Amino acid sequence: MSQSGSQQELIDQAWMLKALSLADKAAELGEVPVGAIVVLDGEIIGQGWNQPIGLHDPTAHAEIIALREAASTVGNYRVVNADLYVTLEPCSMCAGAMVHARVRRVVFGAYEPKAGVIVSQQHFLQQSWLNHSVEYTAGVLADVCSKKLSQFFKSRRVQKRRDKDQDADQKL
């Protein structure tokens, strides 16, 4: 059964809040605060947060981790009819994984002007040569998602300045 536009917006916001809580886990670990969940039939079947630093794995993006868990949950690498919610616009690797996993729809929060491929740098999901079409909804709770990222990077810059000042003091 299809949801009305306003009902779907409320549902998307509720799931995005869950993804935001996972982004906090990444930040606590010193990772870029991105969280993702995979939802099928109103249930979370996979979740993840950024962990490339801690896992020493360049593919350990929130979306990839969530897709791996979702695939394990359903017992198939294809998570047909599932929606993926992520706090930051996906990169090309993650968008490609969504196509291969047969995700129905991706919903993202903050736009990623440097590496986002859903709408910012290109419209990857709209390429005619793809063997699966993934719908998308952009900018859900974008301000909240963007603020979380901005605060993280601001805090990181402040810490780097402190570290630099301490190093300079120790050399005196």
Protein backbone atom coordinates (compact mmCIF):
# COMPACT_ATOMS: atom_id res chain seq x y z
CA MET A 1 0.00 0.00 0.00
CA SER A 2 1.38 3.40 -0.98
CA GLN A 3 1.84 6.17 1.59
CA SER A 4 0.69 9.73 0.97
CA GLY A 5 3.46 12.29 0.49
CA SER A 6 3.20 13.76 3.98
CA GLN A 7 3.00 10.31 5.60
CA GLN A 8 6.09 9.18 3.71
CA GLU A 9 7.95 12.35 4.75
CA LEU A 10 7.22 11.60 8.41
CA ILE A 11 8.30 7.98 7.99
CA ASP A 12 11.50 9.08 6.24
CA GLN A 13 12.27 11.58 9.00
CA ALA A 14 11.75 8.96 11.71
CA TRP A 15 14.13 6.51 10.00
CA MET A 16 16.65 9.29 9.38
CA LEU A 17 16.67 10.05 13.10
CA LYS A 18 17.68 6.43 13.68
CA ALA A 19 20.48 6.78 11.13
CA LEU A 20 21.59 9.97 12.89
CA SER A 21 21.89 8.07 16.18
CA LEU A 22 24.23 5.63 14.42
CA ALA A 23 26.28 8.55 13.10
CA ASP A 24 26.92 9.47 16.73
CA LYS A 25 28.57 6.07 17.22
CA ALA A 26 30.96 6.84 14.38
CA ALA A 27 31.81 10.24 15.87
CA GLU A 28 32.52 8.65 19.26
CA LEU A 29 35.09 6.44 17.52
CA GLY A 30 36.71 9.41 15.75
CA GLU A 31 35.17 8.42 12.43
CA VAL A 32 33.28 10.79 10.12
CA PRO A 33 29.74 10.75 11.58
CA VAL A 34 27.70 8.93 8.97
CA GLY A 35 25.02 6.41 9.87
CA ALA A 36 22.87 4.16 7.70
CA ILE A 37 20.00 1.73 8.08
CA VAL A 38 18.30 -0.66 5.68
CA VAL A 39 14.54 -1.00 6.15
CA LEU A 40 12.33 -3.73 4.71
CA ASP A 41 8.60 -3.95 5.43
CA GLY A 42 8.88 -1.43 8.27
CA GLU A 43 11.72 -3.28 10.04
CA ILE A 44 15.43 -2.47 10.25
CA ILE A 45 17.29 -5.38 8.69
CA GLY A 46 20.72 -3.77 8.60
CA GLN A 47 22.53 -0.87 10.19
CA GLY A 48 25.99 0.61 10.11
CA TRP A 49 28.15 3.59 10.81
CA ASN A 50 31.41 4.74 9.27
CA GLN A 51 34.36 2.61 10.40
CA PRO A 52 37.11 2.78 7.76
CA ILE A 53 39.73 4.05 10.22
CA GLY A 54 39.02 1.59 13.02
CA LEU A 55 38.59 -1.40 10.72
CA HIS A 56 41.49 -0.41 8.43
CA ASP A 57 39.05 -0.90 5.57
CA PRO A 58 38.43 1.75 2.90
CA THR A 59 35.10 0.09 2.07
CA ALA A 60 33.76 0.29 5.65
CA HIS A 61 31.32 3.10 4.88
CA ALA A 62 28.06 3.17 6.82
CA GLU A 63 26.06 2.12 3.76
CA ILE A 64 28.28 -0.88 2.98
CA ILE A 65 28.18 -2.12 6.56
CA ALA A 66 24.39 -1.73 6.67
CA LEU A 67 23.99 -3.55 3.33
CA ARG A 68 26.21 -6.42 4.50
CA GLU A 69 24.12 -6.85 7.63
CA ALA A 70 20.88 -6.61 5.65
CA ALA A 71 22.05 -9.24 3.16
CA SER A 72 22.99 -11.52 6.03
CA THR A 73 19.59 -10.97 7.65
CA VAL A 74 17.65 -11.92 4.51
CA GLY A 75 20.09 -14.62 3.46
CA ASN A 76 20.66 -13.11 0.03
CA TYR A 77 22.97 -10.43 -1.35
CA ARG A 78 19.89 -8.86 -2.91
CA VAL A 79 17.70 -6.88 -0.55
CA VAL A 80 14.83 -6.37 -2.98
CA ASN A 81 12.23 -3.76 -1.96
CA ALA A 82 14.40 -2.43 0.88
CA ASP A 83 15.04 1.25 1.49
CA LEU A 84 18.43 2.53 2.64
CA TYR A 85 18.57 5.64 4.84
CA VAL A 86 21.90 7.41 5.20
CA THR A 87 22.84 10.73 6.77
CA LEU A 88 25.18 11.79 3.92
CA GLU A 89 24.77 11.58 0.16
CA PRO A 90 26.44 8.35 -0.98
CA CYS A 91 29.71 8.08 -2.89
CA SER A 92 30.12 6.08 -6.10
CA MET A 93 31.17 2.89 -4.28
CA CYS A 94 28.11 2.93 -2.05
CA ALA A 95 25.74 3.86 -4.88
CA GLY A 96 27.11 0.97 -6.93
CA ALA A 97 26.60 -1.42 -4.01
CA MET A 98 22.97 -0.28 -3.75
CA VAL A 99 22.42 -1.08 -7.42
CA HIS A 100 23.96 -4.55 -7.03
CA ALA A 101 21.93 -5.18 -3.85
CA ARG A 102 18.73 -4.18 -5.69
CA VAL A 103 17.80 -1.55 -3.10
CA ARG A 104 14.42 -0.03 -3.95
CA ARG A 105 15.14 3.50 -2.71
CA VAL A 106 17.91 5.47 -1.04
CA VAL A 107 17.03 8.36 1.26
CA PHE A 108 19.85 10.68 2.27
CA GLY A 109 20.19 13.68 4.55
CA ALA A 110 23.12 16.03 3.91
CA TYR A 111 24.33 16.76 0.40
CA GLU A 112 27.98 15.89 -0.32
CA PRO A 113 29.21 18.46 -2.85
CA LYS A 114 32.66 16.87 -3.25
CA ALA A 115 31.91 13.16 -3.63
CA GLY A 116 28.13 12.69 -3.61
CA VAL A 117 26.95 10.93 -6.75
CA ILE A 118 23.18 10.86 -6.31
CA VAL A 119 22.68 14.52 -7.23
CA SER A 120 25.75 16.61 -6.31
CA GLN A 121 28.57 15.48 -8.62
CA GLN A 122 26.52 13.34 -10.99
CA HIS A 123 23.23 11.53 -11.25
CA PHE A 124 24.70 8.05 -10.99
CA LEU A 125 21.44 6.25 -10.28
CA GLN A 126 19.90 7.62 -13.48
CA GLN A 127 22.45 6.04 -15.83
CA SER A 128 20.66 4.10 -18.56
CA TRP A 129 23.26 1.31 -18.55
CA LEU A 130 22.57 0.26 -14.95
CA ASN A 131 20.84 -3.11 -14.62
CA HIS A 132 18.66 -1.90 -11.74
CA SER A 133 16.97 1.40 -11.00
CA VAL A 134 17.21 2.81 -7.47
CA GLU A 135 14.82 5.61 -6.57
CA TYR A 136 16.05 8.39 -4.31
CA THR A 137 14.81 11.02 -1.90
CA ALA A 138 17.28 13.80 -1.14
CA GLY A 139 17.69 16.20 1.75
CA VAL A 140 15.68 14.51 4.52
CA LEU A 141 16.63 16.33 7.74
CA ALA A 142 19.49 17.82 5.72
CA ASP A 143 20.12 20.66 8.20
CA VAL A 144 20.42 18.28 11.16
CA CYS A 145 22.67 15.90 9.22
CA SER A 146 24.85 18.75 7.93
CA LYS A 147 25.17 20.27 11.38
CA LYS A 148 26.40 16.97 12.83
CA LEU A 149 29.12 16.79 10.18
CA SER A 150 30.08 20.45 10.58
CA GLN A 151 30.37 20.12 14.35
CA PHE A 152 32.54 17.03 13.98
CA PHE A 153 34.97 18.69 11.58
CA LYS A 154 35.04 21.90 13.63
CA SER A 155 35.90 19.89 16.73
CA ARG A 156 38.58 18.03 14.80
CA ARG A 157 40.15 21.32 13.62
CA VAL A 158 40.14 22.70 17.18
CA GLN A 159 41.83 19.53 18.45
CA LYS A 160 44.48 19.72 15.72
CA ARG A 161 45.23 23.34 16.72
CA ARG A 162 45.55 22.30 20.37
CA ASP A 163 47.86 19.46 19.44
CA LYS A 164 49.96 21.80 17.29
CA ASP A 165 50.16 24.37 20.11
CA GLN A 166 51.19 21.67 22.60
CA ASP A 167 53.91 20.46 20.24
CA ALA A 168 55.19 24.02 19.87
CA ASP A 169 55.19 24.52 23.67
CA GLN A 170 57.15 21.30 24.18
CA LYS A 171 59.82 22.44 21.74
CA LEU A 172 60.42 25.65 23.73
